[in-house]
C-alpha atoms as a PDB file:
ATOM      1  CA  UNK A   1      20.687  18.631  63.043  1.00  0.00           C
ATOM      2  CA  UNK A   2      20.655  22.068  61.488  1.00  0.00           C
ATOM      3  CA  UNK A   3      23.516  23.106  59.215  1.00  0.00           C
ATOM      4  CA  UNK A   4      24.760  25.615  61.803  1.00  0.00           C
ATOM      5  CA  UNK A   5      24.834  23.097  64.670  1.00  0.00           C
ATOM      6  CA  UNK A   6      28.385  23.012  66.132  1.00  0.00           C
ATOM      7  CA  UNK A   7      28.053  19.255  66.630  1.00  0.00           C
ATOM      8  CA  UNK A   8      28.431  18.880  62.865  1.00  0.00           C
ATOM      9  CA  UNK A   9      32.073  19.942  63.008  1.00  0.00           C
ATOM     10  CA  UNK A  10      32.751  17.729  66.025  1.00  0.00           C
ATOM     11  CA  UNK A  11      31.197  14.675  64.379  1.00  0.00           C
ATOM     12  CA  UNK A  12      32.665  15.196  60.912  1.00  0.00           C
ATOM     13  CA  UNK A  13      36.118  15.706  62.435  1.00  0.00           C
ATOM     14  CA  UNK A  14      35.753  12.553  64.516  1.00  0.00           C
ATOM     15  CA  UNK A  15      34.522  10.563  61.505  1.00  0.00           C
ATOM     16  CA  UNK A  16      37.367  11.810  59.304  1.00  0.00           C
ATOM     17  CA  UNK A  17      39.914  10.822  61.963  1.00  0.00           C
ATOM     18  CA  UNK A  18      38.416   7.334  62.244  1.00  0.00           C
ATOM     19  CA  UNK A  19      38.417   6.859  58.451  1.00  0.00           C
ATOM     20  CA  UNK A  20      42.011   8.082  58.236  1.00  0.00           C
ATOM     21  CA  UNK A  21      43.109   5.384  60.686  1.00  0.00           C
ATOM     22  CA  UNK A  22      42.119   2.498  58.422  1.00  0.00           C
ATOM     23  CA  UNK A  23      43.509   1.388  55.108  1.00  0.00           C
ATOM     24  CA  UNK A  24      40.675  -1.098  54.641  1.00  0.00           C
ATOM     25  CA  UNK A  25      38.735   0.214  51.631  1.00  0.00           C
ATOM     26  CA  UNK A  26      36.168  -2.601  51.897  1.00  0.00           C
ATOM     27  CA  UNK A  27      35.405  -1.661  55.505  1.00  0.00           C
ATOM     28  CA  UNK A  28      35.035   2.007  54.591  1.00  0.00           C
ATOM     29  CA  UNK A  29      32.709   1.163  51.692  1.00  0.00           C
ATOM     30  CA  UNK A  30      30.582  -1.077  53.908  1.00  0.00           C
ATOM     31  CA  UNK A  31      30.504   1.591  56.605  1.00  0.00           C
ATOM     32  CA  UNK A  32      29.380   4.264  54.131  1.00  0.00           C
ATOM     33  CA  UNK A  33      26.690   2.011  52.681  1.00  0.00           C
ATOM     34  CA  UNK A  34      25.395   1.277  56.186  1.00  0.00           C
ATOM     35  CA  UNK A  35      25.632   4.917  57.305  1.00  0.00           C
ATOM     36  CA  UNK A  36      23.985   6.474  54.256  1.00  0.00           C
ATOM     37  CA  UNK A  37      20.611   5.839  52.676  1.00  0.00           C
ATOM     38  CA  UNK A  38      20.629   4.625  49.059  1.00  0.00           C
ATOM     39  CA  UNK A  39      19.775   8.178  47.929  1.00  0.00           C
ATOM     40  CA  UNK A  40      22.596   9.664  50.029  1.00  0.00           C
ATOM     41  CA  UNK A  41      25.008   7.033  48.689  1.00  0.00           C
ATOM     42  CA  UNK A  42      24.014   7.920  45.123  1.00  0.00           C
ATOM     43  CA  UNK A  43      24.468  11.637  45.849  1.00  0.00           C
ATOM     44  CA  UNK A  44      27.955  11.111  47.300  1.00  0.00           C
ATOM     45  CA  UNK A  45      28.903   8.841  44.385  1.00  0.00           C
ATOM     46  CA  UNK A  46      27.654  11.459  41.909  1.00  0.00           C
ATOM     47  CA  UNK A  47      29.740  14.151  43.594  1.00  0.00           C
ATOM     48  CA  UNK A  48      32.875  11.996  43.371  1.00  0.00           C
ATOM     49  CA  UNK A  49      32.099  11.201  39.712  1.00  0.00           C
ATOM     50  CA  UNK A  50      31.711  14.964  39.185  1.00  0.00           C
ATOM     51  CA  UNK A  51      35.169  15.669  40.619  1.00  0.00           C
ATOM     52  CA  UNK A  52      36.718  12.980  38.398  1.00  0.00           C
ATOM     53  CA  UNK A  53      34.897  14.303  35.311  1.00  0.00           C
ATOM     54  CA  UNK A  54      36.099  17.835  36.009  1.00  0.00           C
ATOM     55  CA  UNK A  55      39.653  16.544  36.344  1.00  0.00           C
ATOM     56  CA  UNK A  56      39.232  14.846  32.940  1.00  0.00           C
ATOM     57  CA  UNK A  57      38.290  18.276  31.525  1.00  0.00           C
ATOM     58  CA  UNK A  58      34.768  17.227  30.556  1.00  0.00           C
ATOM     59  CA  UNK A  59      32.432  20.131  29.874  1.00  0.00           C
ATOM     60  CA  UNK A  60      30.006  21.179  32.560  1.00  0.00           C
ATOM     61  CA  UNK A  61      27.052  20.559  30.250  1.00  0.00           C
ATOM     62  CA  UNK A  62      28.290  17.039  29.434  1.00  0.00           C
ATOM     63  CA  UNK A  63      28.709  16.323  33.150  1.00  0.00           C
ATOM     64  CA  UNK A  64      25.232  17.656  33.901  1.00  0.00           C
ATOM     65  CA  UNK A  65      23.719  15.434  31.224  1.00  0.00           C
ATOM     66  CA  UNK A  66      25.717  12.337  32.226  1.00  0.00           C
ATOM     67  CA  UNK A  67      25.305  12.591  36.002  1.00  0.00           C
ATOM     68  CA  UNK A  68      22.021  14.479  36.268  1.00  0.00           C
ATOM     69  CA  UNK A  69      23.602  17.231  38.372  1.00  0.00           C
ATOM     70  CA  UNK A  70      22.753  20.914  38.307  1.00  0.00           C
ATOM     71  CA  UNK A  71      25.179  23.349  36.722  1.00  0.00           C
ATOM     72  CA  UNK A  72      25.313  25.079  40.130  1.00  0.00           C
ATOM     73  CA  UNK A  73      26.737  21.923  41.780  1.00  0.00           C
ATOM     74  CA  UNK A  74      29.149  21.429  38.904  1.00  0.00           C
ATOM     75  CA  UNK A  75      30.346  25.037  39.077  1.00  0.00           C
ATOM     76  CA  UNK A  76      30.890  24.688  42.814  1.00  0.00           C
ATOM     77  CA  UNK A  77      32.904  21.517  42.237  1.00  0.00           C
ATOM     78  CA  UNK A  78      34.961  23.214  39.559  1.00  0.00           C
ATOM     79  CA  UNK A  79      35.689  26.146  41.843  1.00  0.00           C
ATOM     80  CA  UNK A  80      36.753  23.804  44.680  1.00  0.00           C
ATOM     81  CA  UNK A  81      39.020  21.804  42.373  1.00  0.00           C
ATOM     82  CA  UNK A  82      40.800  25.001  41.261  1.00  0.00           C
ATOM     83  CA  UNK A  83      41.508  26.228  44.804  1.00  0.00           C
ATOM     84  CA  UNK A  84      45.131  26.139  45.971  1.00  0.00           C
ATOM     85  CA  UNK A  85      45.691  23.038  48.120  1.00  0.00           C
ATOM     86  CA  UNK A  86      42.320  21.698  46.984  1.00  0.00           C
ATOM     87  CA  UNK A  87      41.148  18.708  49.008  1.00  0.00           C
ATOM     88  CA  UNK A  88      39.477  17.500  45.802  1.00  0.00           C
ATOM     89  CA  UNK A  89      42.830  17.452  43.998  1.00  0.00           C
ATOM     90  CA  UNK A  90      44.567  15.802  46.931  1.00  0.00           C
ATOM     91  CA  UNK A  91      41.953  13.035  47.060  1.00  0.00           C
ATOM     92  CA  UNK A  92      42.213  12.542  43.280  1.00  0.00           C
ATOM     93  CA  UNK A  93      45.980  12.197  43.718  1.00  0.00           C
ATOM     94  CA  UNK A  94      45.486   9.616  46.491  1.00  0.00           C
ATOM     95  CA  UNK A  95      43.002   7.709  44.332  1.00  0.00           C
ATOM     96  CA  UNK A  96      45.500   7.722  41.451  1.00  0.00           C
ATOM     97  CA  UNK A  97      48.206   6.307  43.745  1.00  0.00           C
ATOM     98  CA  UNK A  98      45.995   3.318  44.557  1.00  0.00           C
ATOM     99  CA  UNK A  99      45.118   2.646  40.898  1.00  0.00           C
ATOM    100  CA  UNK A 100      47.835   0.813  38.947  1.00  0.00           C
ATOM    101  CA  UNK A 101      46.499   2.412  35.746  1.00  0.00           C
ATOM    102  CA  UNK A 102      47.441   5.808  37.211  1.00  0.00           C
ATOM    103  CA  UNK A 103      43.967   7.257  37.520  1.00  0.00           C
ATOM    104  CA  UNK A 104      40.766   7.053  39.459  1.00  0.00           C
ATOM    105  CA  UNK A 105      38.162   4.511  38.422  1.00  0.00           C
ATOM    106  CA  UNK A 106      35.928   5.193  35.445  1.00  0.00           C
ATOM    107  CA  UNK A 107      33.780   8.296  35.754  1.00  0.00           C
ATOM    108  CA  UNK A 108      30.231   7.358  36.567  1.00  0.00           C
ATOM    109  CA  UNK A 109      31.093   3.708  37.179  1.00  0.00           C
ATOM    110  CA  UNK A 110      28.574   2.045  39.420  1.00  0.00           C
ATOM    111  CA  UNK A 111      29.369  -0.575  42.012  1.00  0.00           C
ATOM    112  CA  UNK A 112      26.976  -3.470  41.439  1.00  0.00           C
ATOM    113  CA  UNK A 113      26.739  -4.105  45.197  1.00  0.00           C
ATOM    114  CA  UNK A 114      23.209  -3.153  46.196  1.00  0.00           C
ATOM    115  CA  UNK A 115      22.693  -0.708  49.018  1.00  0.00           C
ATOM    116  CA  UNK A 116      21.565  -2.281  52.223  1.00  0.00           C
END
Protein backbone atom coordinates (compact mmCIF):
# COMPACT_ATOMS: atom_id res chain seq x y z
CA UNK A 1 0.00 0.00 0.00
CA UNK A 2 1.24 3.47 -0.82
CA UNK A 3 1.28 6.12 1.90
CA UNK A 4 -1.53 8.03 0.17
CA UNK A 5 -3.84 5.01 -0.13
CA UNK A 6 -7.17 5.84 1.59
CA UNK A 7 -7.36 2.26 2.88
CA UNK A 8 -4.62 3.18 5.35
CA UNK A 9 -6.97 5.44 7.29
CA UNK A 10 -9.76 2.86 7.19
CA UNK A 11 -7.51 0.08 8.46
CA UNK A 12 -5.68 2.10 11.10
CA UNK A 13 -9.00 3.40 12.43
CA UNK A 14 -10.41 -0.12 12.55
CA UNK A 15 -7.28 -1.45 14.27
CA UNK A 16 -7.29 1.36 16.84
CA UNK A 17 -10.95 0.67 17.65
CA UNK A 18 -10.25 -3.04 18.12
CA UNK A 19 -7.26 -2.35 20.39
CA UNK A 20 -9.30 0.14 22.42
CA UNK A 21 -11.91 -2.54 23.14
CA UNK A 22 -9.51 -4.78 25.05
CA UNK A 23 -7.75 -4.26 28.34
CA UNK A 24 -5.64 -7.38 27.81
CA UNK A 25 -2.07 -6.07 27.46
CA UNK A 26 -0.70 -9.58 26.88
CA UNK A 27 -3.08 -10.10 23.95
CA UNK A 28 -2.13 -6.75 22.44
CA UNK A 29 1.58 -7.51 22.79
CA UNK A 30 1.14 -10.93 21.19
CA UNK A 31 -0.94 -9.41 18.41
CA UNK A 32 1.70 -6.75 17.69
CA UNK A 33 4.50 -9.32 17.68
CA UNK A 34 2.53 -11.48 15.24
CA UNK A 35 1.50 -8.52 13.06
CA UNK A 36 4.92 -6.87 12.82
CA UNK A 37 8.24 -8.23 11.64
CA UNK A 38 11.08 -8.23 14.18
CA UNK A 39 12.49 -5.10 12.51
CA UNK A 40 9.10 -3.35 12.62
CA UNK A 41 8.68 -4.36 16.27
CA UNK A 42 12.10 -2.91 17.09
CA UNK A 43 11.25 0.31 15.24
CA UNK A 44 7.96 0.73 17.12
CA UNK A 45 9.68 -0.05 20.44
CA UNK A 46 12.40 2.51 19.66
CA UNK A 47 9.79 5.17 18.92
CA UNK A 48 8.04 4.51 22.24
CA UNK A 49 11.40 4.60 24.05
CA UNK A 50 12.05 7.91 22.28
CA UNK A 51 8.80 9.41 23.57
CA UNK A 52 9.60 8.28 27.12
CA UNK A 53 13.15 9.67 26.89
CA UNK A 54 11.86 13.02 25.67
CA UNK A 55 9.41 13.12 28.57
CA UNK A 56 12.36 12.47 30.92
CA UNK A 57 14.05 15.54 29.40
CA UNK A 58 16.98 13.58 27.98
CA UNK A 59 18.95 15.46 25.34
CA UNK A 60 18.32 14.68 21.71
CA UNK A 61 21.96 13.70 21.20
CA UNK A 62 21.85 11.31 24.18
CA UNK A 63 18.66 9.75 22.80
CA UNK A 64 20.20 9.40 19.35
CA UNK A 65 23.24 7.66 20.81
CA UNK A 66 21.23 5.40 23.13
CA UNK A 67 18.50 4.36 20.68
CA UNK A 68 20.31 4.70 17.36
CA UNK A 69 17.67 7.10 16.01
CA UNK A 70 18.25 10.04 13.70
CA UNK A 71 18.00 13.56 15.08
CA UNK A 72 15.23 14.13 12.51
CA UNK A 73 13.06 11.40 14.11
CA UNK A 74 13.84 12.72 17.57
CA UNK A 75 12.97 16.29 16.59
CA UNK A 76 9.69 15.09 15.11
CA UNK A 77 8.91 13.23 18.33
CA UNK A 78 9.75 16.28 20.40
CA UNK A 79 7.50 18.46 18.27
CA UNK A 80 4.61 15.97 18.60
CA UNK A 81 5.04 15.74 22.37
CA UNK A 82 4.82 19.54 22.68
CA UNK A 83 1.59 19.85 20.67
CA UNK A 84 -1.56 20.79 22.60
CA UNK A 85 -3.59 17.64 23.31
CA UNK A 86 -0.62 15.53 22.22
CA UNK A 87 -1.50 11.87 21.74
CA UNK A 88 2.06 11.12 22.88
CA UNK A 89 1.42 12.86 26.21
CA UNK A 90 -1.96 11.21 26.62
CA UNK A 91 -0.45 7.75 26.05
CA UNK A 92 2.37 8.53 28.51
CA UNK A 93 -0.29 9.51 31.05
CA UNK A 94 -2.17 6.24 30.44
CA UNK A 95 1.06 4.26 30.79
CA UNK A 96 1.80 6.06 34.07
CA UNK A 97 -1.67 5.16 35.39
CA UNK A 98 -0.95 1.46 34.84
CA UNK A 99 2.48 1.61 36.52
CA UNK A 100 2.35 1.60 40.34
CA UNK A 101 5.69 3.44 40.37
CA UNK A 102 3.95 6.35 38.62
CA UNK A 103 5.84 6.23 35.35
CA UNK A 104 6.28 4.28 32.18
CA UNK A 105 8.70 1.37 32.15
CA UNK A 106 12.42 2.00 31.88
CA UNK A 107 13.50 3.83 28.74
CA UNK A 108 15.04 1.44 26.29
CA UNK A 109 14.03 -1.63 28.29
CA UNK A 110 13.81 -4.69 26.13
CA UNK A 111 11.28 -7.46 26.53
CA UNK A 112 13.20 -10.73 26.56
CA UNK A 113 10.38 -12.48 24.67
CA UNK A 114 11.76 -13.26 21.22
CA UNK A 115 9.85 -12.14 18.18
CA UNK A 116 8.02 -14.88 16.41
